[in-house]
N, C-alpha and C. Protein backbone atom coordinates (compact mmCIF):
# COMPACT_ATOMS: atom_id res chain seq x y z
N UNK A 1 160.25 50.36 -112.97
CA UNK A 1 159.61 49.66 -114.09
C UNK A 1 160.64 49.25 -115.13
N UNK A 2 160.54 48.01 -115.58
CA UNK A 2 161.50 47.50 -116.58
C UNK A 2 161.21 48.14 -117.96
N UNK A 3 162.26 48.37 -118.72
CA UNK A 3 162.05 48.97 -120.05
C UNK A 3 161.26 48.01 -120.93
N UNK A 4 160.47 48.56 -121.88
CA UNK A 4 159.74 47.78 -122.82
C UNK A 4 160.67 47.00 -123.74
N UNK A 5 160.53 45.69 -123.86
CA UNK A 5 161.45 44.94 -124.75
C UNK A 5 161.45 45.46 -126.18
N UNK A 6 160.33 46.01 -126.61
CA UNK A 6 160.23 46.53 -127.96
C UNK A 6 161.16 47.71 -128.20
N UNK A 7 161.48 48.44 -127.14
CA UNK A 7 162.41 49.58 -127.28
C UNK A 7 163.87 49.15 -127.10
N UNK A 8 164.08 47.96 -126.58
CA UNK A 8 165.44 47.48 -126.34
C UNK A 8 166.06 46.76 -127.51
N UNK A 9 165.24 46.06 -128.32
CA UNK A 9 165.80 45.32 -129.44
C UNK A 9 166.51 46.18 -130.45
N UNK A 10 165.98 47.35 -130.82
CA UNK A 10 166.77 48.23 -131.70
C UNK A 10 168.12 48.63 -131.10
N UNK A 11 168.13 48.87 -129.81
CA UNK A 11 169.37 49.24 -129.12
C UNK A 11 170.37 48.08 -129.16
N UNK A 12 169.87 46.84 -128.96
CA UNK A 12 170.71 45.68 -129.00
C UNK A 12 171.26 45.46 -130.40
N UNK A 13 170.42 45.65 -131.42
CA UNK A 13 170.85 45.52 -132.83
C UNK A 13 171.92 46.52 -133.15
N UNK A 14 171.74 47.79 -132.67
CA UNK A 14 172.74 48.82 -132.93
C UNK A 14 174.06 48.48 -132.28
N UNK A 15 174.00 47.91 -131.05
CA UNK A 15 175.23 47.56 -130.34
C UNK A 15 175.94 46.43 -131.09
N UNK A 16 175.19 45.50 -131.68
CA UNK A 16 175.80 44.39 -132.37
C UNK A 16 176.46 44.84 -133.71
N UNK A 17 175.84 45.84 -134.32
CA UNK A 17 176.45 46.42 -135.51
C UNK A 17 177.81 47.05 -135.17
N UNK A 18 177.83 47.79 -134.07
CA UNK A 18 179.08 48.38 -133.59
C UNK A 18 180.12 47.33 -133.34
N UNK A 19 179.68 46.24 -132.67
CA UNK A 19 180.64 45.14 -132.40
C UNK A 19 181.10 44.47 -133.70
N UNK A 20 180.24 44.28 -134.67
CA UNK A 20 180.67 43.68 -135.93
C UNK A 20 181.72 44.51 -136.62
N UNK A 21 181.57 45.84 -136.60
CA UNK A 21 182.58 46.71 -137.23
C UNK A 21 183.91 46.58 -136.44
N UNK A 22 183.80 46.51 -135.11
CA UNK A 22 185.00 46.37 -134.32
C UNK A 22 185.71 45.06 -134.56
N UNK A 23 184.92 43.97 -134.70
CA UNK A 23 185.49 42.64 -134.91
C UNK A 23 186.20 42.54 -136.25
N UNK A 24 185.68 43.28 -137.27
CA UNK A 24 186.28 43.19 -138.59
C UNK A 24 187.46 44.13 -138.81
N UNK A 25 187.77 44.95 -137.82
CA UNK A 25 188.95 45.83 -137.96
C UNK A 25 190.20 44.99 -137.86
N UNK A 26 191.17 45.29 -138.74
CA UNK A 26 192.44 44.47 -138.77
C UNK A 26 193.17 44.58 -137.40
N UNK A 27 193.81 43.48 -137.03
CA UNK A 27 194.57 43.46 -135.78
C UNK A 27 195.32 42.14 -135.69
N UNK A 28 195.98 41.91 -134.56
CA UNK A 28 196.72 40.65 -134.37
C UNK A 28 195.86 39.42 -134.49
N UNK A 29 194.61 39.42 -134.00
CA UNK A 29 193.77 38.25 -134.12
C UNK A 29 193.48 37.87 -135.60
N UNK A 30 193.20 38.92 -136.40
CA UNK A 30 192.97 38.67 -137.82
C UNK A 30 194.22 38.11 -138.48
N UNK A 31 195.35 38.66 -138.14
CA UNK A 31 196.64 38.19 -138.76
C UNK A 31 196.88 36.73 -138.45
N UNK A 32 196.71 36.31 -137.17
CA UNK A 32 196.95 34.90 -136.82
C UNK A 32 195.95 33.99 -137.52
N UNK A 33 194.71 34.34 -137.54
CA UNK A 33 193.69 33.51 -138.24
C UNK A 33 194.02 33.43 -139.74
N UNK A 34 194.33 34.54 -140.34
CA UNK A 34 194.60 34.57 -141.80
C UNK A 34 195.84 33.70 -142.10
N UNK A 35 196.84 33.87 -141.33
CA UNK A 35 198.10 33.15 -141.54
C UNK A 35 197.88 31.63 -141.41
N UNK A 36 197.23 31.19 -140.37
CA UNK A 36 196.94 29.76 -140.16
C UNK A 36 196.00 29.22 -141.23
N UNK A 37 195.07 30.05 -141.68
CA UNK A 37 194.13 29.58 -142.71
C UNK A 37 194.82 29.35 -144.04
N UNK A 38 195.61 30.27 -144.49
CA UNK A 38 196.28 30.14 -145.77
C UNK A 38 197.41 29.06 -145.69
N UNK A 39 197.81 28.74 -144.48
CA UNK A 39 198.82 27.67 -144.36
C UNK A 39 198.21 26.33 -144.70
N UNK A 40 196.88 26.25 -144.71
CA UNK A 40 196.21 25.08 -145.21
C UNK A 40 195.88 23.98 -144.20
N UNK A 41 196.02 24.24 -142.96
CA UNK A 41 195.76 23.22 -141.94
C UNK A 41 194.43 23.51 -141.24
N UNK A 42 193.70 22.44 -140.96
CA UNK A 42 192.39 22.61 -140.26
C UNK A 42 192.61 23.06 -138.80
N UNK A 43 193.85 23.16 -138.35
CA UNK A 43 194.11 23.65 -136.97
C UNK A 43 193.63 25.10 -136.81
N UNK A 44 193.36 25.80 -137.92
CA UNK A 44 192.90 27.20 -137.74
C UNK A 44 191.62 27.20 -136.97
N UNK A 45 190.85 26.12 -136.99
CA UNK A 45 189.61 26.04 -136.20
C UNK A 45 189.92 26.25 -134.74
N UNK A 46 191.05 25.69 -134.31
CA UNK A 46 191.45 25.81 -132.90
C UNK A 46 191.99 27.19 -132.57
N UNK A 47 192.58 27.83 -133.57
CA UNK A 47 193.00 29.23 -133.39
C UNK A 47 191.78 30.09 -133.11
N UNK A 48 190.74 29.88 -133.91
CA UNK A 48 189.49 30.65 -133.75
C UNK A 48 188.87 30.36 -132.38
N UNK A 49 188.90 29.08 -131.96
CA UNK A 49 188.33 28.69 -130.69
C UNK A 49 189.05 29.42 -129.57
N UNK A 50 190.38 29.54 -129.63
CA UNK A 50 191.14 30.28 -128.61
C UNK A 50 190.77 31.74 -128.58
N UNK A 51 190.65 32.36 -129.72
CA UNK A 51 190.29 33.78 -129.79
C UNK A 51 188.89 33.99 -129.23
N UNK A 52 187.93 33.18 -129.63
CA UNK A 52 186.56 33.36 -129.20
C UNK A 52 186.43 33.09 -127.70
N UNK A 53 187.19 32.13 -127.18
CA UNK A 53 187.16 31.86 -125.75
C UNK A 53 187.61 33.09 -124.97
N UNK A 54 188.69 33.75 -125.41
CA UNK A 54 189.15 34.97 -124.70
C UNK A 54 188.15 36.11 -124.89
N UNK A 55 187.52 36.19 -126.08
CA UNK A 55 186.43 37.18 -126.23
C UNK A 55 185.34 36.93 -125.19
N UNK A 56 184.98 35.66 -124.98
CA UNK A 56 183.97 35.39 -123.96
C UNK A 56 184.45 35.83 -122.60
N UNK A 57 185.71 35.65 -122.29
CA UNK A 57 186.26 36.14 -121.03
C UNK A 57 186.15 37.65 -120.90
N UNK A 58 186.47 38.36 -121.97
CA UNK A 58 186.40 39.83 -121.93
C UNK A 58 184.94 40.27 -121.76
N UNK A 59 184.02 39.59 -122.44
CA UNK A 59 182.60 39.95 -122.31
C UNK A 59 182.13 39.69 -120.90
N UNK A 60 182.52 38.54 -120.31
CA UNK A 60 182.11 38.24 -118.96
C UNK A 60 182.66 39.28 -117.98
N UNK A 61 183.90 39.66 -118.14
CA UNK A 61 184.52 40.67 -117.28
C UNK A 61 183.84 42.04 -117.45
N UNK A 62 183.45 42.33 -118.71
CA UNK A 62 182.73 43.56 -118.95
C UNK A 62 181.39 43.59 -118.27
N UNK A 63 180.67 42.50 -118.39
CA UNK A 63 179.35 42.41 -117.75
C UNK A 63 179.45 42.56 -116.23
N UNK A 64 180.52 41.99 -115.71
CA UNK A 64 180.69 42.01 -114.25
C UNK A 64 181.34 43.32 -113.76
N UNK A 65 181.75 44.16 -114.71
CA UNK A 65 182.35 45.45 -114.30
C UNK A 65 183.82 45.40 -114.04
N UNK A 66 184.48 44.26 -114.26
CA UNK A 66 185.88 44.14 -113.91
C UNK A 66 186.78 44.89 -114.86
N UNK A 67 186.38 44.99 -116.12
CA UNK A 67 187.22 45.70 -117.09
C UNK A 67 187.35 47.18 -116.68
N UNK A 68 186.27 47.76 -116.21
CA UNK A 68 186.33 49.15 -115.71
C UNK A 68 187.32 49.30 -114.59
N UNK A 69 187.33 48.29 -113.68
CA UNK A 69 188.28 48.36 -112.58
C UNK A 69 189.71 48.23 -113.08
N UNK A 70 189.92 47.33 -114.06
CA UNK A 70 191.23 47.08 -114.60
C UNK A 70 191.82 48.36 -115.22
N UNK A 71 190.95 49.03 -116.06
CA UNK A 71 191.41 50.24 -116.76
C UNK A 71 191.80 51.34 -115.79
N UNK A 72 191.14 51.36 -114.59
CA UNK A 72 191.44 52.41 -113.63
C UNK A 72 192.70 52.17 -112.83
N UNK A 73 193.30 51.00 -112.93
CA UNK A 73 194.59 50.72 -112.29
C UNK A 73 195.68 50.74 -113.34
N UNK A 74 196.37 51.87 -113.41
CA UNK A 74 197.37 52.06 -114.48
C UNK A 74 198.46 51.04 -114.43
N UNK A 75 198.88 50.58 -113.28
CA UNK A 75 199.96 49.59 -113.23
C UNK A 75 199.57 48.26 -113.88
N UNK A 76 198.26 47.92 -113.85
CA UNK A 76 197.80 46.72 -114.48
C UNK A 76 197.93 46.85 -116.01
N UNK A 77 197.58 48.02 -116.53
CA UNK A 77 197.65 48.25 -117.95
C UNK A 77 199.12 48.24 -118.39
N UNK A 78 199.98 48.78 -117.59
CA UNK A 78 201.45 48.77 -117.90
C UNK A 78 201.96 47.32 -118.01
N UNK A 79 201.55 46.52 -116.98
CA UNK A 79 202.00 45.13 -116.98
C UNK A 79 201.44 44.38 -118.20
N UNK A 80 200.19 44.62 -118.59
CA UNK A 80 199.60 44.01 -119.72
C UNK A 80 200.26 44.41 -121.02
N UNK A 81 200.63 45.69 -121.12
CA UNK A 81 201.30 46.18 -122.31
C UNK A 81 202.65 45.54 -122.48
N UNK A 82 203.40 45.43 -121.39
CA UNK A 82 204.73 44.81 -121.47
C UNK A 82 204.64 43.34 -121.84
N UNK A 83 203.75 42.63 -121.12
CA UNK A 83 203.58 41.21 -121.40
C UNK A 83 203.03 40.97 -122.82
N UNK A 84 202.01 41.72 -123.20
CA UNK A 84 201.41 41.54 -124.53
C UNK A 84 202.36 41.92 -125.61
N UNK A 85 203.08 43.06 -125.45
CA UNK A 85 204.04 43.47 -126.48
C UNK A 85 205.15 42.48 -126.64
N UNK A 86 205.62 41.94 -125.51
CA UNK A 86 206.71 40.95 -125.60
C UNK A 86 206.26 39.68 -126.32
N UNK A 87 205.00 39.23 -126.09
CA UNK A 87 204.48 38.05 -126.75
C UNK A 87 204.36 38.30 -128.26
N UNK A 88 203.77 39.44 -128.66
CA UNK A 88 203.57 39.71 -130.08
C UNK A 88 204.95 39.86 -130.76
N UNK A 89 205.90 40.46 -130.09
CA UNK A 89 207.25 40.59 -130.70
C UNK A 89 207.85 39.20 -130.89
N UNK A 90 207.67 38.31 -129.93
CA UNK A 90 208.19 36.94 -130.03
C UNK A 90 207.55 36.18 -131.21
N UNK A 91 206.19 36.31 -131.37
CA UNK A 91 205.50 35.69 -132.47
C UNK A 91 206.03 36.22 -133.79
N UNK A 92 206.19 37.56 -133.88
CA UNK A 92 206.74 38.15 -135.12
C UNK A 92 208.09 37.65 -135.43
N UNK A 93 208.97 37.60 -134.44
CA UNK A 93 210.35 37.12 -134.66
C UNK A 93 210.37 35.65 -135.10
N UNK A 94 209.48 34.85 -134.53
CA UNK A 94 209.40 33.43 -134.90
C UNK A 94 208.96 33.27 -136.34
N UNK A 95 207.97 34.06 -136.74
CA UNK A 95 207.48 34.01 -138.14
C UNK A 95 208.60 34.44 -139.08
N UNK A 96 209.37 35.48 -138.72
CA UNK A 96 210.47 35.94 -139.56
C UNK A 96 211.50 34.88 -139.75
N UNK A 97 211.86 34.25 -138.64
CA UNK A 97 212.94 33.25 -138.69
C UNK A 97 212.52 32.01 -139.43
N UNK A 98 211.25 31.65 -139.41
CA UNK A 98 210.78 30.44 -140.07
C UNK A 98 210.16 30.71 -141.45
N UNK A 99 210.36 31.94 -141.94
CA UNK A 99 209.71 32.32 -143.19
C UNK A 99 210.20 31.47 -144.39
N UNK A 100 211.47 31.07 -144.35
CA UNK A 100 212.01 30.31 -145.49
C UNK A 100 211.78 28.81 -145.35
N UNK A 101 211.22 28.36 -144.29
CA UNK A 101 210.94 26.92 -144.08
C UNK A 101 209.69 26.53 -144.84
N UNK A 102 209.77 25.59 -145.78
CA UNK A 102 208.57 25.18 -146.54
C UNK A 102 207.53 24.53 -145.64
N UNK A 103 206.31 24.69 -146.00
CA UNK A 103 205.23 24.02 -145.29
C UNK A 103 205.15 22.56 -145.70
N UNK A 104 204.71 21.70 -144.82
CA UNK A 104 204.53 20.29 -145.24
C UNK A 104 203.38 20.18 -146.24
N UNK A 105 203.33 19.10 -146.92
CA UNK A 105 202.27 18.89 -147.94
C UNK A 105 200.89 19.01 -147.26
N UNK A 106 200.02 19.69 -147.93
CA UNK A 106 198.68 19.92 -147.36
C UNK A 106 197.81 18.67 -147.44
N UNK A 107 197.32 18.23 -146.29
CA UNK A 107 196.40 17.08 -146.28
C UNK A 107 195.08 17.42 -145.62
N UNK A 108 194.92 18.68 -145.13
CA UNK A 108 193.65 19.11 -144.54
C UNK A 108 193.45 18.61 -143.12
N UNK A 109 194.40 17.85 -142.56
CA UNK A 109 194.24 17.26 -141.27
C UNK A 109 195.23 17.90 -140.29
N UNK A 110 194.78 18.25 -139.14
CA UNK A 110 195.66 18.83 -138.11
C UNK A 110 196.05 17.83 -137.10
N UNK A 111 197.34 17.66 -136.84
CA UNK A 111 197.79 16.78 -135.79
C UNK A 111 197.45 17.34 -134.45
N UNK A 112 197.45 16.51 -133.41
CA UNK A 112 197.11 16.95 -132.04
C UNK A 112 198.04 18.09 -131.61
N UNK A 113 199.32 17.97 -131.91
CA UNK A 113 200.30 18.99 -131.52
C UNK A 113 199.96 20.32 -132.22
N UNK A 114 199.56 20.22 -133.50
CA UNK A 114 199.19 21.45 -134.24
C UNK A 114 197.93 22.07 -133.66
N UNK A 115 197.00 21.26 -133.25
CA UNK A 115 195.78 21.81 -132.65
C UNK A 115 196.07 22.54 -131.34
N UNK A 116 196.92 21.94 -130.53
CA UNK A 116 197.31 22.60 -129.25
C UNK A 116 198.04 23.91 -129.51
N UNK A 117 198.96 23.87 -130.47
CA UNK A 117 199.71 25.07 -130.79
C UNK A 117 198.77 26.17 -131.30
N UNK A 118 197.85 25.81 -132.22
CA UNK A 118 196.94 26.78 -132.79
C UNK A 118 196.05 27.34 -131.71
N UNK A 119 195.58 26.53 -130.82
CA UNK A 119 194.69 27.02 -129.73
C UNK A 119 195.46 27.99 -128.83
N UNK A 120 196.69 27.67 -128.49
CA UNK A 120 197.52 28.59 -127.67
C UNK A 120 197.74 29.88 -128.37
N UNK A 121 197.99 29.81 -129.67
CA UNK A 121 198.20 31.05 -130.43
C UNK A 121 196.99 31.93 -130.40
N UNK A 122 195.81 31.32 -130.56
CA UNK A 122 194.57 32.11 -130.47
C UNK A 122 194.37 32.79 -129.11
N UNK A 123 194.58 31.94 -128.04
CA UNK A 123 194.40 32.46 -126.69
C UNK A 123 195.38 33.54 -126.36
N UNK A 124 196.64 33.31 -126.58
CA UNK A 124 197.69 34.28 -126.13
C UNK A 124 197.70 35.51 -127.03
N UNK A 125 197.41 35.35 -128.29
CA UNK A 125 197.33 36.55 -129.14
C UNK A 125 196.22 37.49 -128.70
N UNK A 126 195.05 36.92 -128.40
CA UNK A 126 193.93 37.76 -127.93
C UNK A 126 194.20 38.34 -126.56
N UNK A 127 194.76 37.52 -125.66
CA UNK A 127 195.10 38.04 -124.33
C UNK A 127 196.14 39.16 -124.39
N UNK A 128 197.02 39.08 -125.35
CA UNK A 128 198.09 40.11 -125.44
C UNK A 128 197.62 41.39 -126.13
N UNK A 129 196.38 41.34 -126.66
CA UNK A 129 195.83 42.47 -127.41
C UNK A 129 195.23 43.48 -126.44
N UNK A 130 196.02 44.40 -125.96
CA UNK A 130 195.55 45.38 -125.00
C UNK A 130 194.47 46.27 -125.61
N UNK A 131 194.54 46.48 -126.91
CA UNK A 131 193.51 47.28 -127.55
C UNK A 131 192.12 46.63 -127.42
N UNK A 132 192.11 45.30 -127.34
CA UNK A 132 190.81 44.62 -127.17
C UNK A 132 190.22 44.96 -125.81
N UNK A 133 191.04 45.04 -124.79
CA UNK A 133 190.57 45.42 -123.47
C UNK A 133 190.00 46.83 -123.48
N UNK A 134 190.70 47.74 -124.15
CA UNK A 134 190.23 49.13 -124.26
C UNK A 134 188.93 49.18 -125.05
N UNK A 135 188.81 48.34 -126.08
CA UNK A 135 187.59 48.28 -126.91
C UNK A 135 186.44 47.83 -126.06
N UNK A 136 186.59 46.75 -125.33
CA UNK A 136 185.46 46.22 -124.53
C UNK A 136 185.10 47.23 -123.42
N UNK A 137 186.06 47.89 -122.87
CA UNK A 137 185.77 48.92 -121.86
C UNK A 137 184.91 50.00 -122.45
N UNK A 138 185.29 50.47 -123.63
CA UNK A 138 184.51 51.54 -124.31
C UNK A 138 183.13 51.00 -124.68
N UNK A 139 183.09 49.79 -125.18
CA UNK A 139 181.83 49.22 -125.63
C UNK A 139 180.81 49.14 -124.47
N UNK A 140 181.23 48.55 -123.36
CA UNK A 140 180.31 48.37 -122.23
C UNK A 140 179.96 49.70 -121.59
N UNK A 141 180.88 50.66 -121.64
CA UNK A 141 180.61 51.99 -121.08
C UNK A 141 179.53 52.72 -121.91
N UNK A 142 179.66 52.59 -123.25
CA UNK A 142 178.72 53.31 -124.14
C UNK A 142 177.39 52.58 -124.32
N UNK A 143 177.39 51.27 -124.35
CA UNK A 143 176.19 50.53 -124.73
C UNK A 143 175.34 50.14 -123.50
N UNK A 144 175.96 49.70 -122.47
CA UNK A 144 175.21 49.16 -121.33
C UNK A 144 175.01 50.28 -120.28
N UNK A 145 173.82 50.37 -119.76
CA UNK A 145 173.57 51.31 -118.65
C UNK A 145 173.00 50.52 -117.46
N UNK A 146 172.94 51.18 -116.34
CA UNK A 146 172.53 50.49 -115.11
C UNK A 146 171.12 49.94 -115.19
N UNK A 147 170.25 50.61 -116.00
CA UNK A 147 168.84 50.16 -116.05
C UNK A 147 168.59 49.10 -117.07
N UNK A 148 169.59 48.65 -117.78
CA UNK A 148 169.39 47.63 -118.82
C UNK A 148 169.14 46.27 -118.15
N UNK A 149 168.07 45.58 -118.45
CA UNK A 149 167.76 44.28 -117.81
C UNK A 149 168.80 43.22 -118.20
N UNK A 150 168.93 42.23 -117.34
CA UNK A 150 169.96 41.22 -117.53
C UNK A 150 169.72 40.44 -118.81
N UNK A 151 168.45 40.19 -119.20
CA UNK A 151 168.20 39.45 -120.42
C UNK A 151 168.75 40.17 -121.67
N UNK A 152 168.63 41.52 -121.64
CA UNK A 152 169.15 42.30 -122.77
C UNK A 152 170.68 42.28 -122.82
N UNK A 153 171.32 42.30 -121.64
CA UNK A 153 172.77 42.20 -121.59
C UNK A 153 173.22 40.81 -122.09
N UNK A 154 172.53 39.78 -121.65
CA UNK A 154 172.91 38.45 -122.08
C UNK A 154 172.66 38.23 -123.58
N UNK A 155 171.59 38.82 -124.09
CA UNK A 155 171.30 38.72 -125.51
C UNK A 155 172.37 39.42 -126.34
N UNK A 156 172.81 40.57 -125.82
CA UNK A 156 173.86 41.30 -126.52
C UNK A 156 175.17 40.52 -126.47
N UNK A 157 175.48 39.93 -125.32
CA UNK A 157 176.70 39.15 -125.16
C UNK A 157 176.66 37.94 -126.08
N UNK A 158 175.54 37.27 -126.19
CA UNK A 158 175.45 36.11 -127.05
C UNK A 158 175.64 36.54 -128.53
N UNK A 159 175.05 37.64 -128.89
CA UNK A 159 175.20 38.13 -130.26
C UNK A 159 176.64 38.48 -130.58
N UNK A 160 177.34 39.08 -129.63
CA UNK A 160 178.72 39.41 -129.80
C UNK A 160 179.57 38.16 -130.05
N UNK A 161 179.29 37.11 -129.29
CA UNK A 161 180.04 35.87 -129.45
C UNK A 161 179.80 35.27 -130.85
N UNK A 162 178.55 35.25 -131.26
CA UNK A 162 178.21 34.70 -132.59
C UNK A 162 178.86 35.52 -133.71
N UNK A 163 178.90 36.82 -133.58
CA UNK A 163 179.53 37.67 -134.59
C UNK A 163 181.01 37.37 -134.70
N UNK A 164 181.71 37.28 -133.54
CA UNK A 164 183.14 37.00 -133.55
C UNK A 164 183.42 35.63 -134.23
N UNK A 165 182.60 34.64 -133.84
CA UNK A 165 182.78 33.29 -134.39
C UNK A 165 182.51 33.30 -135.90
N UNK A 166 181.45 33.97 -136.34
CA UNK A 166 181.09 33.99 -137.73
C UNK A 166 182.17 34.74 -138.55
N UNK A 167 182.67 35.83 -138.02
CA UNK A 167 183.65 36.62 -138.81
C UNK A 167 184.94 35.82 -139.03
N UNK A 168 185.53 35.30 -137.95
CA UNK A 168 186.79 34.59 -138.10
C UNK A 168 186.62 33.28 -138.86
N UNK A 169 185.45 32.66 -138.76
CA UNK A 169 185.17 31.47 -139.55
C UNK A 169 185.10 31.81 -141.03
N UNK A 170 184.51 32.93 -141.37
CA UNK A 170 184.41 33.36 -142.77
C UNK A 170 185.83 33.65 -143.32
N UNK A 171 186.65 34.36 -142.51
CA UNK A 171 188.02 34.63 -142.92
C UNK A 171 188.77 33.33 -143.19
N UNK A 172 188.66 32.41 -142.24
CA UNK A 172 189.37 31.14 -142.40
C UNK A 172 188.87 30.35 -143.63
N UNK A 173 187.57 30.40 -143.86
CA UNK A 173 187.04 29.60 -145.00
C UNK A 173 187.60 30.16 -146.32
N UNK A 174 187.50 31.45 -146.52
CA UNK A 174 187.90 32.05 -147.80
C UNK A 174 189.43 31.95 -148.00
N UNK A 175 190.18 32.07 -146.94
CA UNK A 175 191.64 32.04 -147.13
C UNK A 175 192.16 30.61 -147.13
N UNK A 176 191.35 29.62 -146.82
CA UNK A 176 191.80 28.26 -146.88
C UNK A 176 191.44 27.60 -148.19
N UNK A 177 190.83 28.33 -149.11
CA UNK A 177 190.51 27.78 -150.43
C UNK A 177 191.79 27.43 -151.16
N UNK A 178 191.75 26.43 -152.05
CA UNK A 178 192.99 25.96 -152.72
C UNK A 178 193.78 27.07 -153.40
N UNK A 179 193.10 28.06 -154.01
CA UNK A 179 193.80 29.11 -154.73
C UNK A 179 194.60 29.98 -153.73
N UNK A 180 193.97 30.26 -152.59
CA UNK A 180 194.69 31.05 -151.57
C UNK A 180 195.85 30.29 -150.98
N UNK A 181 195.62 28.97 -150.78
CA UNK A 181 196.64 28.11 -150.19
C UNK A 181 197.86 28.04 -151.14
N UNK A 182 197.57 27.90 -152.44
CA UNK A 182 198.69 27.78 -153.39
C UNK A 182 199.43 29.11 -153.50
N UNK A 183 198.70 30.21 -153.46
CA UNK A 183 199.34 31.55 -153.59
C UNK A 183 200.24 31.81 -152.35
N UNK A 184 199.76 31.38 -151.17
CA UNK A 184 200.56 31.58 -149.96
C UNK A 184 201.84 30.77 -150.02
N UNK A 185 201.75 29.56 -150.48
CA UNK A 185 202.93 28.71 -150.54
C UNK A 185 203.99 29.29 -151.47
N UNK A 186 203.50 29.89 -152.57
CA UNK A 186 204.47 30.46 -153.53
C UNK A 186 205.19 31.69 -152.91
N UNK A 187 204.46 32.45 -152.11
CA UNK A 187 205.01 33.71 -151.59
C UNK A 187 205.26 33.65 -150.10
N UNK A 188 205.35 32.46 -149.51
CA UNK A 188 205.40 32.30 -148.10
C UNK A 188 206.51 33.10 -147.49
N UNK A 189 207.71 33.03 -148.01
CA UNK A 189 208.86 33.74 -147.42
C UNK A 189 208.56 35.20 -147.22
N UNK A 190 208.03 35.84 -148.23
CA UNK A 190 207.83 37.29 -148.17
C UNK A 190 206.62 37.64 -147.33
N UNK A 191 205.57 36.81 -147.42
CA UNK A 191 204.36 37.09 -146.66
C UNK A 191 204.66 36.94 -145.15
N UNK A 192 205.34 35.86 -144.79
CA UNK A 192 205.70 35.63 -143.37
C UNK A 192 206.61 36.72 -142.82
N UNK A 193 207.54 37.15 -143.65
CA UNK A 193 208.48 38.16 -143.18
C UNK A 193 207.71 39.51 -143.02
N UNK A 194 206.80 39.80 -143.94
CA UNK A 194 206.04 41.07 -143.81
C UNK A 194 205.15 41.01 -142.58
N UNK A 195 204.44 39.88 -142.40
CA UNK A 195 203.54 39.75 -141.21
C UNK A 195 204.37 39.72 -139.92
N UNK A 196 205.44 38.93 -139.94
CA UNK A 196 206.31 38.79 -138.74
C UNK A 196 206.92 40.16 -138.38
N UNK A 197 207.35 40.90 -139.39
CA UNK A 197 207.94 42.23 -139.11
C UNK A 197 206.92 43.16 -138.53
N UNK A 198 205.69 43.12 -139.10
CA UNK A 198 204.64 44.02 -138.58
C UNK A 198 204.24 43.64 -137.15
N UNK A 199 204.12 42.38 -136.87
CA UNK A 199 203.80 41.96 -135.48
C UNK A 199 204.91 42.29 -134.53
N UNK A 200 206.15 42.09 -134.97
CA UNK A 200 207.29 42.42 -134.11
C UNK A 200 207.36 43.91 -133.78
N UNK A 201 207.12 44.74 -134.79
CA UNK A 201 207.13 46.20 -134.57
C UNK A 201 205.98 46.60 -133.67
N UNK A 202 204.77 46.02 -133.90
CA UNK A 202 203.65 46.29 -133.06
C UNK A 202 203.91 45.92 -131.62
N UNK A 203 204.47 44.74 -131.42
CA UNK A 203 204.77 44.27 -130.05
C UNK A 203 205.81 45.14 -129.37
N UNK A 204 206.84 45.51 -130.09
CA UNK A 204 207.88 46.39 -129.53
C UNK A 204 207.29 47.74 -129.15
N UNK A 205 206.48 48.27 -130.07
CA UNK A 205 205.89 49.59 -129.78
C UNK A 205 204.99 49.52 -128.58
N UNK A 206 204.20 48.46 -128.47
CA UNK A 206 203.30 48.29 -127.32
C UNK A 206 204.06 48.20 -126.02
N UNK A 207 205.15 47.37 -126.01
CA UNK A 207 205.94 47.21 -124.78
C UNK A 207 206.63 48.51 -124.35
N UNK A 208 207.21 49.21 -125.36
CA UNK A 208 207.90 50.43 -125.01
C UNK A 208 206.97 51.57 -124.63
N UNK A 209 205.71 51.51 -125.17
CA UNK A 209 204.78 52.59 -124.82
C UNK A 209 204.36 52.50 -123.35
N UNK A 210 204.53 51.31 -122.79
CA UNK A 210 204.22 51.15 -121.34
C UNK A 210 205.15 51.94 -120.45
N UNK A 211 206.33 52.27 -120.98
CA UNK A 211 207.29 52.97 -120.18
C UNK A 211 207.04 54.49 -120.15
N UNK A 212 206.18 54.98 -121.05
CA UNK A 212 205.94 56.40 -121.16
C UNK A 212 204.64 56.84 -120.50
């Protein structure tokens, strides 16, 4: 017998609250969105699109049970940690090196090259986030059970996508306001070096932790 929908909606709502808290926790995705938003270019929309696309991939893999398989193969996690750590370290180093380079005048328009770069940053930053894989594994293990009907799983998945999109869009909106943009431009050198250093250290730590 299928579970009563009336008993499932509270469970779905609780799962989405958990996901909202997870989405709002600081991490590489937040850093990339925040940095591109305060830089003043509308290309941040494409950064968010890249992040949300990879979130959709993680959710699909979780629904299909592939994340559980991935976590059980330690060599896959080692490879992901090395690749992800290397990418984050490279992003951090690039930000550090370019910290003193002034931004172009803000016109609110993103060139095609900027949109492609921003989209790649969103995709690869989220793919390199091994903690995201662990999060989705834990989420699907705790929230979904074998008896949960497919409609409830799909409803939860859709809600997760909307929450991620809404959160990063809100971050981008508030940090792209003129006051935030002007403040970032004044302190760009120090902000970029702080963020770049943090990402570099996080990437190095992630890559080296794969060896232990």
